[in-house]
Amino acid sequence: MILSHLPKLVQALPLDDAVRIEPRDGVPVFRATPRVQGRIEDLLEKQTEMALDASEERELLAYEELDELLSLVNRLVRNSMAPDGSGETLARTA
């Protein structure tokens, strides 16, 4: 389950200014900040030119896990705010 990775993810990422909340159609959307998005782009670009070192590989993996976590949170928020009340529960999405 993705939530089991959360403690490791929190330790691996510099969380200051890592996530922002944007309202979209009245629903809060959790996204990586421009700083984090830029770092991901830098790592991906470097990866196309040469091999990343071990710490960069771990950092990129942590960002991938952050993306999965934010996707899950956004799905849960969106589903919980469904006007017909048919939102999925955490148990169904895990």
C-alpha atoms as a PDB file:
ATOM      1  CA  MET A   1       0.000   0.000   0.000  1.00  0.00           C
ATOM      2  CA  ILE A   2       1.326   3.444  -0.884  1.00  0.00           C
ATOM      3  CA  LEU A   3       0.774   4.891   2.592  1.00  0.00           C
ATOM      4  CA  SER A   4       3.303   2.456   4.044  1.00  0.00           C
ATOM      5  CA  HIS A   5       6.012   4.356   2.122  1.00  0.00           C
ATOM      6  CA  LEU A   6       5.058   7.713   3.631  1.00  0.00           C
ATOM      7  CA  PRO A   7       7.561   7.784   6.548  1.00  0.00           C
ATOM      8  CA  LYS A   8      10.447   6.928   4.199  1.00  0.00           C
ATOM      9  CA  LEU A   9       9.247   9.535   1.704  1.00  0.00           C
ATOM     10  CA  VAL A  10       9.002  12.246   4.351  1.00  0.00           C
ATOM     11  CA  GLN A  11      12.590  11.591   5.416  1.00  0.00           C
ATOM     12  CA  ALA A  12      13.873  11.548   1.833  1.00  0.00           C
ATOM     13  CA  LEU A  13      12.393  14.801   0.590  1.00  0.00           C
ATOM     14  CA  PRO A  14      13.108  18.383   1.532  1.00  0.00           C
ATOM     15  CA  LEU A  15       9.482  19.163   2.348  1.00  0.00           C
ATOM     16  CA  ASP A  16       9.848  22.919   2.733  1.00  0.00           C
ATOM     17  CA  ASP A  17       8.063  24.317  -0.284  1.00  0.00           C
ATOM     18  CA  ALA A  18       7.553  20.844  -1.805  1.00  0.00           C
ATOM     19  CA  VAL A  19       3.754  20.768  -2.156  1.00  0.00           C
ATOM     20  CA  ARG A  20       1.181  23.451  -2.833  1.00  0.00           C
ATOM     21  CA  ILE A  21      -2.605  23.423  -2.918  1.00  0.00           C
ATOM     22  CA  GLU A  22      -4.443  24.925  -5.891  1.00  0.00           C
ATOM     23  CA  PRO A  23      -8.224  25.256  -6.019  1.00  0.00           C
ATOM     24  CA  ARG A  24      -9.698  23.790  -9.218  1.00  0.00           C
ATOM     25  CA  ASP A  25     -13.445  24.062  -9.723  1.00  0.00           C
ATOM     26  CA  GLY A  26     -13.911  24.353  -5.964  1.00  0.00           C
ATOM     27  CA  VAL A  27     -11.770  21.288  -5.238  1.00  0.00           C
ATOM     28  CA  PRO A  28      -8.328  21.572  -3.611  1.00  0.00           C
ATOM     29  CA  VAL A  29      -5.629  19.979  -5.783  1.00  0.00           C
ATOM     30  CA  PHE A  30      -2.283  19.024  -4.254  1.00  0.00           C
ATOM     31  CA  ARG A  31       0.678  19.583  -6.594  1.00  0.00           C
ATOM     32  CA  ALA A  32       4.441  19.692  -6.450  1.00  0.00           C
ATOM     33  CA  THR A  33       5.778  23.238  -6.317  1.00  0.00           C
ATOM     34  CA  PRO A  34       7.563  24.775  -9.304  1.00  0.00           C
ATOM     35  CA  ARG A  35      10.878  24.262  -7.450  1.00  0.00           C
ATOM     36  CA  VAL A  36      10.242  20.523  -7.130  1.00  0.00           C
ATOM     37  CA  GLN A  37       8.965  20.268 -10.709  1.00  0.00           C
ATOM     38  CA  GLY A  38      12.124  22.008 -11.906  1.00  0.00           C
ATOM     39  CA  ARG A  39      14.327  19.622  -9.948  1.00  0.00           C
ATOM     40  CA  ILE A  40      12.493  16.635 -11.422  1.00  0.00           C
ATOM     41  CA  GLU A  41      12.987  18.042 -14.924  1.00  0.00           C
ATOM     42  CA  ASP A  42      16.702  18.578 -14.200  1.00  0.00           C
ATOM     43  CA  LEU A  43      17.108  14.993 -13.008  1.00  0.00           C
ATOM     44  CA  LEU A  44      15.200  13.576 -15.981  1.00  0.00           C
ATOM     45  CA  GLU A  45      17.244  15.656 -18.424  1.00  0.00           C
ATOM     46  CA  LYS A  46      20.495  14.581 -16.787  1.00  0.00           C
ATOM     47  CA  GLN A  47      19.303  10.974 -16.896  1.00  0.00           C
ATOM     48  CA  THR A  48      19.011  11.184 -20.698  1.00  0.00           C
ATOM     49  CA  GLU A  49      22.597  12.446 -20.966  1.00  0.00           C
ATOM     50  CA  MET A  50      24.341  10.234 -18.388  1.00  0.00           C
ATOM     51  CA  ALA A  51      23.684   7.884 -15.518  1.00  0.00           C
ATOM     52  CA  LEU A  52      22.467   9.452 -12.299  1.00  0.00           C
ATOM     53  CA  ASP A  53      24.516   8.793  -9.191  1.00  0.00           C
ATOM     54  CA  ALA A  54      22.968   6.757  -6.375  1.00  0.00           C
ATOM     55  CA  SER A  55      21.708   9.762  -4.406  1.00  0.00           C
ATOM     56  CA  GLU A  56      20.103  11.274  -7.510  1.00  0.00           C
ATOM     57  CA  GLU A  57      18.438   7.933  -8.290  1.00  0.00           C
ATOM     58  CA  ARG A  58      17.009   7.841  -4.755  1.00  0.00           C
ATOM     59  CA  GLU A  59      15.866  11.450  -5.063  1.00  0.00           C
ATOM     60  CA  LEU A  60      14.115  10.783  -8.370  1.00  0.00           C
ATOM     61  CA  LEU A  61      12.456   7.681  -6.910  1.00  0.00           C
ATOM     62  CA  ALA A  62      11.269   9.737  -3.938  1.00  0.00           C
ATOM     63  CA  TYR A  63       9.738  12.282  -6.311  1.00  0.00           C
ATOM     64  CA  GLU A  64       7.975   9.454  -8.179  1.00  0.00           C
ATOM     65  CA  GLU A  65       6.561   8.241  -4.857  1.00  0.00           C
ATOM     66  CA  LEU A  66       5.491  11.795  -4.020  1.00  0.00           C
ATOM     67  CA  ASP A  67       3.678  11.970  -7.368  1.00  0.00           C
ATOM     68  CA  GLU A  68       1.863   8.707  -6.618  1.00  0.00           C
ATOM     69  CA  LEU A  69       0.928   9.934  -3.148  1.00  0.00           C
ATOM     70  CA  LEU A  70      -0.374  13.269  -4.450  1.00  0.00           C
ATOM     71  CA  SER A  71      -2.384  11.445  -7.119  1.00  0.00           C
ATOM     72  CA  LEU A  72      -3.951   9.257  -4.436  1.00  0.00           C
ATOM     73  CA  VAL A  73      -4.729  12.226  -2.185  1.00  0.00           C
ATOM     74  CA  ASN A  74      -6.229  14.167  -5.089  1.00  0.00           C
ATOM     75  CA  ARG A  75      -8.395  11.185  -6.082  1.00  0.00           C
ATOM     76  CA  LEU A  76      -9.618  10.770  -2.515  1.00  0.00           C
ATOM     77  CA  VAL A  77     -10.396  14.473  -2.157  1.00  0.00           C
ATOM     78  CA  ARG A  78     -12.155  14.624  -5.528  1.00  0.00           C
ATOM     79  CA  ASN A  79     -14.188  11.495  -4.804  1.00  0.00           C
ATOM     80  CA  SER A  80     -15.127  12.637  -1.308  1.00  0.00           C
ATOM     81  CA  MET A  81     -16.463  15.872  -2.765  1.00  0.00           C
ATOM     82  CA  ALA A  82     -18.550  14.154  -5.454  1.00  0.00           C
ATOM     83  CA  PRO A  83     -21.977  15.827  -5.520  1.00  0.00           C
ATOM     84  CA  ASP A  84     -23.839  12.507  -5.508  1.00  0.00           C
ATOM     85  CA  GLY A  85     -21.888  11.236  -2.493  1.00  0.00           C
ATOM     86  CA  SER A  86     -20.564   8.277  -4.450  1.00  0.00           C
ATOM     87  CA  GLY A  87     -16.936   8.922  -3.533  1.00  0.00           C
ATOM     88  CA  GLU A  88     -14.661   5.919  -3.133  1.00  0.00           C
ATOM     89  CA  THR A  89     -13.209   5.065   0.225  1.00  0.00           C
ATOM     90  CA  LEU A  90      -9.512   4.661   0.945  1.00  0.00           C
ATOM     91  CA  ALA A  91      -9.966   0.902   1.187  1.00  0.00           C
ATOM     92  CA  ARG A  92     -11.225   0.720  -2.383  1.00  0.00           C
ATOM     93  CA  THR A  93      -8.394   2.804  -3.838  1.00  0.00           C
ATOM     94  CA  ALA A  94      -5.557   1.076  -2.023  1.00  0.00           C
END
